[in-house]
Amino acid sequence: MYKKGRFVVIDGLGKSGKTSIIRMLEQKFSKETTLFTREPGGTAFGLAVRKILLEGKIVLSPLSHVLIFFAVRRAHIEETIIPALLAGVNVICDRFDSSTDAYNLWGEDAHYLRSLFNVLREYVVSKDVSPYLYVILDVAPKTAYERHQATKDATEADKFDDRPLEFFENVRRGFLEFAARHNAVVIDANRPLEVVAEDVYKAVSRAIA
């Protein structure tokens, strides 16, 4: 019997433990049945944009950020996500439209872009592939900020995380607002990493069972 795969997004503030947890999940799920991808990334276009954005040498407005992220997202959906789902493969994505909402609308205080975001989301995402589940890792902004300051010289540079504490607070509110409007599980990421990872594993396992 034909089975379509399910699409799960794992998201949250930088330094919530998301990357480490996803690596743990990669060891638990078969590569034959589960595809792990990320945004920006997942395609040659996405990886090129990721490199440019993380370098932080080009200053973009909130509007430009929203437009470029949805352009990258559409290519990701067409080239990577839909083919996998149609082949019956589950897709677990590190960040998705939830990050655009939280970081670019809330973090950058660009709520005037809400109508545009909703239109783009409907046309780019919802018409083809809405995530079955969002897993939002919720960490205290002060904790995320302190973790970033302590590790920024040893991890991949990310200009979105190199912001003041107020930025982290706004982004967290954005994630929680997004979670309230969509099919999401919010997991307390202030706890030990192994405990958080187990809760994420259980939530994802239920979703793709």
Foldseek 3Di string as FASTA:
>chain_A
DFAFFAEEEEEEFAPLCRVVLVVVVVVVDDPVAEDEEEACPQDPLSVVVVVVQLVVPDDDALVVVLVSRLVSLLCNCVPPVVVCRNNNHYYYYYDDLLQNQLQSCQLNVPVVCVVVSVVSCVVRDVVRHDHLEYEYEQEQLVSNLVSCVVCVVPDRGHVSSVDDSVSSVRSNVSNVVVVVVDHYDYFHSHDDSVVRSVVVSVVVVVRRD
